[in-house]
Amino acid sequence: MTLLEIQQLRKERAERISPAHEFYCRPRRRKLTIQRCLDDYVDANAFEDRRSACWRCPQGCNNRTQYAEG
């Protein structure tokens, strides 16, 4: 492996999101973990809770996509 390949691997590993990763949730106006975001999204969609901040949340969609890629 070349130095460039090693640096690229390190960068990719650093960008991965874990369930414990925290972020600021704009719709809920507080810090949440990715795990809590996933749980709340599943609950809101399973029970069709349209008044929930997680119902079709675009920020949550981005979080779920990044988590799935990692």
C-alpha atoms as a PDB file:
ATOM      1  CA  MET A   1       0.000   0.000   0.000  1.00  0.00           C
ATOM      2  CA  THR A   2       1.140   3.455  -0.776  1.00  0.00           C
ATOM      3  CA  LEU A   3       1.085   6.336   1.649  1.00  0.00           C
ATOM      4  CA  LEU A   4      -1.776   7.937  -0.288  1.00  0.00           C
ATOM      5  CA  GLU A   5      -3.912   4.785   0.031  1.00  0.00           C
ATOM      6  CA  ILE A   6      -3.236   4.574   3.767  1.00  0.00           C
ATOM      7  CA  GLN A   7      -4.213   8.216   4.237  1.00  0.00           C
ATOM      8  CA  GLN A   8      -7.410   7.645   2.260  1.00  0.00           C
ATOM      9  CA  LEU A   9      -8.346   4.650   4.448  1.00  0.00           C
ATOM     10  CA  ARG A  10      -7.734   6.654   7.617  1.00  0.00           C
ATOM     11  CA  LYS A  11      -9.911   9.478   6.299  1.00  0.00           C
ATOM     12  CA  GLU A  12     -12.748   7.078   5.453  1.00  0.00           C
ATOM     13  CA  ARG A  13     -12.601   5.466   8.893  1.00  0.00           C
ATOM     14  CA  ALA A  14     -12.693   8.865  10.588  1.00  0.00           C
ATOM     15  CA  GLU A  15     -15.784   9.876   8.605  1.00  0.00           C
ATOM     16  CA  ARG A  16     -17.822   6.802   9.603  1.00  0.00           C
ATOM     17  CA  ILE A  17     -20.706   7.363  11.952  1.00  0.00           C
ATOM     18  CA  SER A  18     -21.286   5.154  14.980  1.00  0.00           C
ATOM     19  CA  PRO A  19     -24.571   4.780  16.910  1.00  0.00           C
ATOM     20  CA  ALA A  20     -23.040   6.800  19.756  1.00  0.00           C
ATOM     21  CA  HIS A  21     -22.187   9.756  17.473  1.00  0.00           C
ATOM     22  CA  GLU A  22     -23.940  12.949  18.627  1.00  0.00           C
ATOM     23  CA  PHE A  23     -25.381  15.666  16.414  1.00  0.00           C
ATOM     24  CA  TYR A  24     -27.660  18.681  16.810  1.00  0.00           C
ATOM     25  CA  CYS A  25     -31.186  17.821  15.698  1.00  0.00           C
ATOM     26  CA  ARG A  26     -32.710  20.931  14.176  1.00  0.00           C
ATOM     27  CA  PRO A  27     -36.383  19.846  14.314  1.00  0.00           C
ATOM     28  CA  ARG A  28     -36.136  18.803  17.976  1.00  0.00           C
ATOM     29  CA  ARG A  29     -33.684  21.587  18.917  1.00  0.00           C
ATOM     30  CA  ARG A  30     -31.352  19.427  21.010  1.00  0.00           C
ATOM     31  CA  LYS A  31     -28.434  17.018  20.806  1.00  0.00           C
ATOM     32  CA  LEU A  32     -29.251  13.426  19.953  1.00  0.00           C
ATOM     33  CA  THR A  33     -27.287  10.293  19.254  1.00  0.00           C
ATOM     34  CA  ILE A  34     -27.625   8.489  15.945  1.00  0.00           C
ATOM     35  CA  GLN A  35     -29.159   5.537  17.805  1.00  0.00           C
ATOM     36  CA  ARG A  36     -31.871   7.747  19.336  1.00  0.00           C
ATOM     37  CA  CYS A  37     -32.552   9.304  15.923  1.00  0.00           C
ATOM     38  CA  LEU A  38     -32.967   5.852  14.366  1.00  0.00           C
ATOM     39  CA  ASP A  39     -35.226   4.653  17.186  1.00  0.00           C
ATOM     40  CA  ASP A  40     -37.445   7.740  17.045  1.00  0.00           C
ATOM     41  CA  TYR A  41     -37.677   7.543  13.253  1.00  0.00           C
ATOM     42  CA  VAL A  42     -38.732   3.885  13.367  1.00  0.00           C
ATOM     43  CA  ASP A  43     -41.357   4.632  16.028  1.00  0.00           C
ATOM     44  CA  ALA A  44     -42.771   7.643  14.160  1.00  0.00           C
ATOM     45  CA  ASN A  45     -43.076   5.748  10.900  1.00  0.00           C
ATOM     46  CA  ALA A  46     -44.307   2.478  12.407  1.00  0.00           C
ATOM     47  CA  PHE A  47     -47.132   4.229  14.238  1.00  0.00           C
ATOM     48  CA  GLU A  48     -47.658   6.861  11.485  1.00  0.00           C
ATOM     49  CA  ASP A  49     -47.220   9.661  14.014  1.00  0.00           C
ATOM     50  CA  ARG A  50     -47.399  12.633  11.663  1.00  0.00           C
ATOM     51  CA  ARG A  51     -47.063  15.128  14.524  1.00  0.00           C
ATOM     52  CA  SER A  52     -43.640  13.759  15.419  1.00  0.00           C
ATOM     53  CA  ALA A  53     -40.581  15.788  14.461  1.00  0.00           C
ATOM     54  CA  CYS A  54     -39.112  12.570  13.038  1.00  0.00           C
ATOM     55  CA  TRP A  55     -41.879  12.028  10.486  1.00  0.00           C
ATOM     56  CA  ARG A  56     -40.084  12.316   7.117  1.00  0.00           C
ATOM     57  CA  CYS A  57     -37.221  14.328   8.648  1.00  0.00           C
ATOM     58  CA  PRO A  58     -34.629  15.273   5.968  1.00  0.00           C
ATOM     59  CA  GLN A  59     -31.797  15.557   8.508  1.00  0.00           C
ATOM     60  CA  GLY A  60     -32.641  12.114   9.882  1.00  0.00           C
ATOM     61  CA  CYS A  61     -32.680  10.764   6.335  1.00  0.00           C
ATOM     62  CA  ASN A  62     -29.130  12.048   5.815  1.00  0.00           C
ATOM     63  CA  ASN A  63     -28.032  10.517   9.135  1.00  0.00           C
ATOM     64  CA  ARG A  64     -29.541   7.144   8.243  1.00  0.00           C
ATOM     65  CA  THR A  65     -27.883   7.176   4.824  1.00  0.00           C
ATOM     66  CA  GLN A  66     -24.442   7.974   6.267  1.00  0.00           C
ATOM     67  CA  TYR A  67     -24.861   5.351   8.989  1.00  0.00           C
ATOM     68  CA  ALA A  68     -25.858   2.719   6.422  1.00  0.00           C
ATOM     69  CA  GLU A  69     -22.800   3.487   4.275  1.00  0.00           C
ATOM     70  CA  GLY A  70     -20.417   3.054   7.220  1.00  0.00           C
END
